[in-house]
Every structure is written in C-alpha cells, then in structure tokens.
C-alpha cells in the first residue's frame, strides 16, 4: 500500500509520521504542499515526479509550518483530490472547519460547548469595551498555533494603543477573557477517529501561556470522565480522524479553547509514552483494508 504523508520537512511530527508509514508499508513520501502541482484537466497532482492521485491515500499532518489564511488554499487542493477519489485523512472539509479560529468557535458555540467569554469585532472602541468588561483579555489571531501572535491586554490606559496596533495587523479582532488556569496547566485531550486515546497536560514555564515555544512543558495527566466527555462532545461535529481538544480547568469547571486538526505527537509520547503516530497509521490501514 502506498500512503503519502502531507507535512513539513524536518518537522518532528511530520517526519515521525512519514517514518511510521514507511515502517508499516515499506513506502515513504513526505509531501510539502508548497511544491505540488494540481492539473485539474487531467485530474492529476504531481509532487517530485509522483502523481499523488495514484497513491492509496494521504495522511495530513501539516499543510504549512505556520497557520495562515493561505493554508485554506492548500486544503482546497486536497479537497479537490479527495473529491476525485483519493482517500485523505482527515477529510479536507473537516480540517477547513477548524483552521479558522472564528469558524471553529462558532461551531463549538452551536454545540453548547463551554468556552471562555469571547468577543469579535473590527471596531477599536468596541474592542476596548469588551476588554473593560473582561478586565484582562487575550487577543488571538484567527489563524495561529502555539500562542503565536497572541497578546494579553488589561483595562489600563495603554489598552487603546495595544488594540490599535493589533488591529492594524489583525482587523477582525478575536478577544477572549483571560482565565485563571488551575495548577497553571491546560490539557490536550486526544481522539483518533472519534475514539478517546489519551490526555496530556501542557504546563506553564515562565510565560502567561503554556506553549512549549514560551517555555511550557508536557506532563502526564489523568482526566476526569467529565473532561473526556466534554472533549468528546467538542470534537464530534468536526469528524476529524486525528484531533486534539484544548481544555482548560477553571474554578467554574472545564472549558474548551479550541479543536485542532494538526496537533502533534510529541506531547503524547513524552507525557504518556504512547506512540500516537503508529496508532493513527494502524487506524488508517484498517479503514483502507
């Protein structure tokens, strides 16, 4: 069986997934979406001399190193290939639904998933009013991961300057009330094809957030049934083959930050000793056979 891996060359999780596919099937192809050529007339998609439409399937780990609206175009290319008959894990239409923080949040809200209070606006005065109500808020880009581009702002005299500068880069402002994390950690709750796999914790280092790029670290964690079921409910509408639900524990109970289609394998391996890449490949192989 020939299964290609869509990912970022030298990316830890992408390389590990490609190695796992190679070990399982004897075939290795790590595909950089930036380098493909989709020929709509011939219904062919070329990468380094290989017509990807001739493969048995694609597994998507990453469609780009950094989140941006440009990644939507790459997911659309994958959607075309999928609709022409190439199995893609996860389905591109499912990944499109979570790539944008706004669309992901809207779906979670419709499913009645508890989230931190959130405001969206392009108006600076309205943004300041939301920050005033929240006391302290986090400004989040609609396309980002690992805390990149996020800014924490409080209701002080400097807020107007901060918001004005932020709006010049991100006109649609996603403003979320800053919440106190119990034990200075949040959780990654992992599912493969809708089945619960494991949970790990991301702990704060020397920053306000828990991302490893800001000094955070992974830790083993055993969640309550309540947390697992909340995460299960959150990921359900998206129908992703591999997903990580970001959950925070507050004094008022657990809340969901987001659902991700591009969560990595490193935290799962380091915190829980579970080889999620192998389990994911096994699930794909089972479905294909």
Protein backbone atom coordinates (compact mmCIF):
# COMPACT_ATOMS: atom_id res chain seq x y z
CA UNK A 1 0.00 0.00 0.00
CA UNK A 2 1.32 3.45 -0.92
CA UNK A 3 0.32 6.16 1.55
CA UNK A 4 1.73 9.67 1.32
CA UNK A 5 2.15 11.97 4.31
CA UNK A 6 1.39 15.67 3.90
CA UNK A 7 3.62 17.57 6.28
CA UNK A 8 6.54 19.90 6.81
CA UNK A 9 10.02 18.57 6.00
CA UNK A 10 12.13 18.44 9.20
CA UNK A 11 9.00 18.88 11.34
CA UNK A 12 9.18 16.44 14.25
CA UNK A 13 5.65 15.04 13.97
CA UNK A 14 5.64 15.07 10.16
CA UNK A 15 8.89 13.13 9.94
CA UNK A 16 7.78 10.69 12.62
CA UNK A 17 4.50 10.02 10.79
CA UNK A 18 6.31 9.52 7.48
CA UNK A 19 8.78 7.14 9.17
CA UNK A 20 5.88 5.23 10.75
CA UNK A 21 4.10 4.85 7.40
CA UNK A 22 7.38 3.65 5.85
CA UNK A 23 7.94 1.12 8.62
CA UNK A 24 4.38 -0.16 8.26
CA UNK A 25 4.01 -0.20 4.46
CA UNK A 26 7.53 -0.05 3.03
CA UNK A 27 6.73 3.23 1.23
CA UNK A 28 7.77 6.73 2.30
CA UNK A 29 6.74 10.03 0.75
CA UNK A 30 6.65 13.26 2.77
CA UNK A 31 4.76 15.86 0.73
CA UNK A 32 5.34 19.59 1.02
CA UNK A 33 2.09 21.20 -0.17
CA UNK A 34 4.04 24.25 -1.31
CA UNK A 35 5.69 22.14 -4.01
CA UNK A 36 2.74 20.30 -5.58
CA UNK A 37 1.14 20.92 -9.00
CA UNK A 38 -2.56 20.17 -9.39
CA UNK A 39 -3.67 19.63 -13.01
CA UNK A 40 -7.46 19.95 -12.98
CA UNK A 41 -7.82 18.98 -16.64
CA UNK A 42 -6.01 15.67 -16.22
CA UNK A 43 -7.20 15.16 -12.62
CA UNK A 44 -3.59 14.66 -11.62
CA UNK A 45 -1.49 16.12 -8.81
CA UNK A 46 2.27 15.99 -9.08
CA UNK A 47 4.95 16.08 -6.40
CA UNK A 48 8.59 15.30 -7.23
CA UNK A 49 7.56 13.14 -10.19
CA UNK A 50 4.84 11.21 -8.36
CA UNK A 51 1.19 11.56 -9.30
CA UNK A 52 -0.40 11.68 -5.86
CA UNK A 53 -3.71 10.55 -7.34
CA UNK A 54 -2.06 7.15 -7.95
CA UNK A 55 -1.49 6.61 -4.23
CA UNK A 56 -3.81 4.63 -1.98
CA UNK A 57 -4.28 7.50 0.46
CA UNK A 58 -2.85 10.64 2.04
CA UNK A 59 -2.49 11.32 5.75
CA UNK A 60 -2.29 15.02 6.60
CA UNK A 61 -0.08 16.09 9.49
CA UNK A 62 0.58 19.71 8.46
CA UNK A 63 -0.27 21.79 5.40
CA UNK A 64 2.21 24.51 6.37
CA UNK A 65 4.69 25.44 9.06
CA UNK A 66 2.63 28.43 10.27
CA UNK A 67 -1.13 28.90 10.37
CA UNK A 68 -2.48 31.50 7.94
CA UNK A 69 -5.39 32.02 5.58
CA UNK A 70 -3.07 30.82 2.79
CA UNK A 71 -3.36 27.30 4.18
CA UNK A 72 -7.04 27.31 3.17
CA UNK A 73 -5.90 27.25 -0.47
CA UNK A 74 -3.80 24.15 0.18
CA UNK A 75 -6.69 22.44 1.93
CA UNK A 76 -8.87 23.26 -1.07
CA UNK A 77 -6.37 21.48 -3.32
CA UNK A 78 -6.58 18.46 -1.05
CA UNK A 79 -10.38 18.70 -1.14
CA UNK A 80 -10.33 18.51 -4.94
CA UNK A 81 -8.11 15.44 -4.80
CA UNK A 82 -10.37 13.85 -2.18
CA UNK A 83 -13.47 14.50 -4.26
CA UNK A 84 -11.76 12.91 -7.27
CA UNK A 85 -11.48 9.69 -5.26
CA UNK A 86 -8.22 9.87 -3.26
CA UNK A 87 -8.82 8.99 0.42
CA UNK A 88 -7.48 11.78 2.67
CA UNK A 89 -7.18 11.56 6.46
CA UNK A 90 -8.62 13.78 7.90
CA UNK A 91 -11.09 14.90 5.26
CA UNK A 92 -10.05 18.34 3.96
CA UNK A 93 -13.54 19.74 4.53
CA UNK A 94 -13.23 18.77 8.21
CA UNK A 95 -9.81 20.43 8.52
CA UNK A 96 -11.08 23.60 6.85
CA UNK A 97 -13.74 23.86 9.58
CA UNK A 98 -11.16 24.09 12.38
CA UNK A 99 -8.34 26.01 10.70
CA UNK A 100 -10.02 29.38 11.27
CA UNK A 101 -10.47 30.19 14.96
CA UNK A 102 -13.73 32.05 14.26
CA UNK A 103 -15.42 29.21 12.38
CA UNK A 104 -14.21 26.68 14.96
CA UNK A 105 -15.58 28.81 17.81
CA UNK A 106 -18.93 29.29 16.03
CA UNK A 107 -19.33 25.51 15.66
CA UNK A 108 -18.42 24.92 19.31
CA UNK A 109 -20.91 27.58 20.42
CA UNK A 110 -23.67 25.96 18.36
CA UNK A 111 -22.89 22.66 20.09
CA UNK A 112 -23.23 24.38 23.51
CA UNK A 113 -19.62 23.74 24.45
CA UNK A 114 -18.48 25.88 27.42
CA UNK A 115 -15.80 28.36 26.35
CA UNK A 116 -14.25 31.48 27.88
CA UNK A 117 -16.30 34.65 27.17
CA UNK A 118 -15.38 35.78 23.65
CA UNK A 119 -15.95 38.91 21.56
CA UNK A 120 -15.34 39.53 17.85
CA UNK A 121 -15.18 42.99 16.34
CA UNK A 122 -13.32 45.19 13.86
CA UNK A 123 -14.15 48.33 15.86
CA UNK A 124 -11.45 49.56 18.25
CA UNK A 125 -13.91 51.21 20.66
CA UNK A 126 -15.98 48.05 20.85
CA UNK A 127 -12.82 46.03 21.45
CA UNK A 128 -11.92 48.32 24.34
CA UNK A 129 -15.42 47.91 25.76
CA UNK A 130 -15.01 44.13 25.74
CA UNK A 131 -11.62 44.41 27.46
CA UNK A 132 -13.20 46.69 30.06
CA UNK A 133 -15.85 44.06 30.75
CA UNK A 134 -13.32 41.23 30.93
CA UNK A 135 -10.71 43.11 32.97
CA UNK A 136 -7.93 41.17 31.24
CA UNK A 137 -8.24 39.61 27.80
CA UNK A 138 -6.21 37.73 25.21
CA UNK A 139 -6.19 38.96 21.62
CA UNK A 140 -5.90 35.92 19.35
CA UNK A 141 -5.25 35.84 15.58
CA UNK A 142 -7.85 33.87 13.64
CA UNK A 143 -5.01 31.75 12.24
CA UNK A 144 -2.33 30.77 14.74
CA UNK A 145 -0.88 27.92 16.78
CA UNK A 146 1.38 27.58 19.81
CA UNK A 147 0.37 31.04 21.04
CA UNK A 148 1.94 32.87 18.10
CA UNK A 149 0.60 36.38 17.66
CA UNK A 150 -1.42 36.30 20.88
CA UNK A 151 -1.33 39.40 23.07
CA UNK A 152 -2.58 39.77 26.63
CA UNK A 153 -4.12 43.16 27.43
CA UNK A 154 -5.70 44.65 30.56
CA UNK A 155 -8.13 47.52 31.03
CA UNK A 156 -5.48 50.21 31.53
CA UNK A 157 -4.54 53.47 29.85
CA UNK A 158 -2.22 51.56 27.50
CA UNK A 159 -5.04 49.35 26.17
CA UNK A 160 -6.03 51.74 23.36
CA UNK A 161 -2.50 51.79 21.92
CA UNK A 162 -2.19 48.00 22.17
CA UNK A 163 -5.55 47.41 20.49
CA UNK A 164 -4.91 49.95 17.74
CA UNK A 165 -1.56 48.35 16.88
CA UNK A 166 -3.09 44.87 16.98
CA UNK A 167 -6.00 45.88 14.73
CA UNK A 168 -3.56 47.21 12.13
CA UNK A 169 -2.30 43.64 11.70
CA UNK A 170 -5.46 41.65 12.53
CA UNK A 171 -8.52 43.76 11.57
CA UNK A 172 -11.04 41.15 12.79
CA UNK A 173 -10.20 41.01 16.47
CA UNK A 174 -10.89 37.81 18.40
CA UNK A 175 -10.96 38.86 22.05
CA UNK A 176 -11.21 36.24 24.77
CA UNK A 177 -11.43 36.77 28.51
CA UNK A 178 -8.22 35.68 30.22
CA UNK A 179 -8.95 32.89 32.66
CA UNK A 180 -7.02 31.56 35.62
CA UNK A 181 -5.79 28.04 34.95
CA UNK A 182 -5.96 25.65 37.86
CA UNK A 183 -2.49 24.32 38.63
CA UNK A 184 -1.05 26.52 35.82
CA UNK A 185 -1.75 23.97 33.09
CA UNK A 186 -4.17 23.16 30.31
CA UNK A 187 -4.91 19.84 28.67
CA UNK A 188 -4.66 18.19 25.28
CA UNK A 189 -7.39 15.55 25.00
CA UNK A 190 -6.66 13.29 22.02
CA UNK A 191 -9.01 11.30 19.77
CA UNK A 192 -8.41 9.00 16.80
CA UNK A 193 -11.46 8.65 14.55
CA UNK A 194 -13.69 9.80 17.39
CA UNK A 195 -12.32 7.32 19.92
CA UNK A 196 -10.63 8.65 23.03
CA UNK A 197 -6.89 7.93 23.13
CA UNK A 198 -5.27 9.83 25.99
CA UNK A 199 -4.77 13.20 27.70
CA UNK A 200 -1.62 15.13 28.48
CA UNK A 201 -1.01 18.41 30.27
CA UNK A 202 0.81 21.48 29.00
CA UNK A 203 2.32 23.27 31.99
CA UNK A 204 3.37 26.91 32.26
CA UNK A 205 7.02 27.82 32.19
CA UNK A 206 7.95 31.48 32.56
CA UNK A 207 5.12 32.90 30.45
CA UNK A 208 1.39 33.57 30.78
CA UNK A 209 0.63 30.73 28.36
CA UNK A 210 1.53 27.03 28.37
CA UNK A 211 3.01 26.62 24.89
CA UNK A 212 6.37 24.92 24.56
CA UNK A 213 7.59 27.85 22.45
CA UNK A 214 7.13 30.01 25.58
CA UNK A 215 8.90 27.63 27.94
CA UNK A 216 5.98 25.34 28.74
CA UNK A 217 6.45 21.60 29.13
CA UNK A 218 4.42 18.37 28.86
CA UNK A 219 3.28 16.33 31.83
CA UNK A 220 1.32 13.14 32.38
CA UNK A 221 -2.32 13.71 33.32
CA UNK A 222 -5.33 11.55 34.16
CA UNK A 223 -8.56 13.41 33.38
CA UNK A 224 -11.99 13.00 34.90
CA UNK A 225 -14.83 11.42 32.94
CA UNK A 226 -16.39 14.89 32.79
CA UNK A 227 -13.37 16.27 30.92
CA UNK A 228 -13.22 13.34 28.50
CA UNK A 229 -16.91 13.59 27.67
CA UNK A 230 -16.72 17.37 27.22
CA UNK A 231 -13.82 16.95 24.78
CA UNK A 232 -15.62 14.12 23.01
CA UNK A 233 -18.66 16.35 22.51
CA UNK A 234 -16.45 19.22 21.30
CA UNK A 235 -14.66 17.19 18.62
CA UNK A 236 -17.72 15.34 17.39
CA UNK A 237 -19.11 17.95 14.92
CA UNK A 238 -15.81 18.14 13.02
CA UNK A 239 -15.45 14.41 12.19
CA UNK A 240 -11.64 14.53 12.26
CA UNK A 241 -9.55 11.36 12.05
CA UNK A 242 -6.93 12.74 14.45
CA UNK A 243 -7.61 15.65 16.74
CA UNK A 244 -6.57 17.27 19.99
CA UNK A 245 -9.10 19.24 22.04
CA UNK A 246 -7.59 22.03 24.14
CA UNK A 247 -9.30 22.06 27.54
CA UNK A 248 -8.69 24.38 30.48
CA UNK A 249 -9.75 23.69 34.06
CA UNK A 250 -11.13 26.73 35.86
CA UNK A 251 -12.72 27.34 39.24
CA UNK A 252 -16.10 27.13 37.47
CA UNK A 253 -15.32 23.88 35.68
CA UNK A 254 -13.64 22.84 32.43
CA UNK A 255 -13.86 24.98 29.27
CA UNK A 256 -12.69 24.36 25.71
CA UNK A 257 -10.28 26.69 23.91
CA UNK A 258 -10.30 25.02 20.51
CA UNK A 259 -10.28 21.81 18.49
CA UNK A 260 -7.19 21.20 16.37
CA UNK A 261 -6.68 19.06 13.26
CA UNK A 262 -2.90 19.48 13.35
CA UNK A 263 -1.93 18.54 16.88
CA UNK A 264 1.49 16.97 17.24
CA UNK A 265 2.61 13.60 18.55
CA UNK A 266 5.47 14.75 20.79
CA UNK A 267 3.40 15.74 23.84
CA UNK A 268 1.56 12.42 23.77
CA UNK A 269 4.80 10.46 23.57
CA UNK A 270 6.71 12.46 26.19
CA UNK A 271 3.88 12.67 28.72
CA UNK A 272 2.14 9.33 28.29
CA UNK A 273 4.64 7.14 26.42
CA UNK A 274 2.07 6.47 23.68
CA UNK A 275 3.13 6.27 20.04
CA UNK A 276 0.15 8.11 18.56
CA UNK A 277 1.68 8.11 15.08
CA UNK A 278 1.66 4.31 14.96
CA UNK A 279 -1.87 4.09 16.32
CA UNK A 280 -3.05 6.63 13.76
CA UNK A 281 -1.41 4.73 10.88
CA UNK A 282 -2.93 1.47 12.16
CA UNK A 283 -6.40 3.08 12.16
CA UNK A 284 -5.93 4.37 8.61
CA UNK A 285 -4.68 0.97 7.39
CA UNK A 286 -7.67 -0.75 8.98
CA UNK A 287 -10.10 1.60 7.24
CA UNK A 288 -8.38 1.27 3.86
CA UNK A 289 -8.39 -2.54 4.05
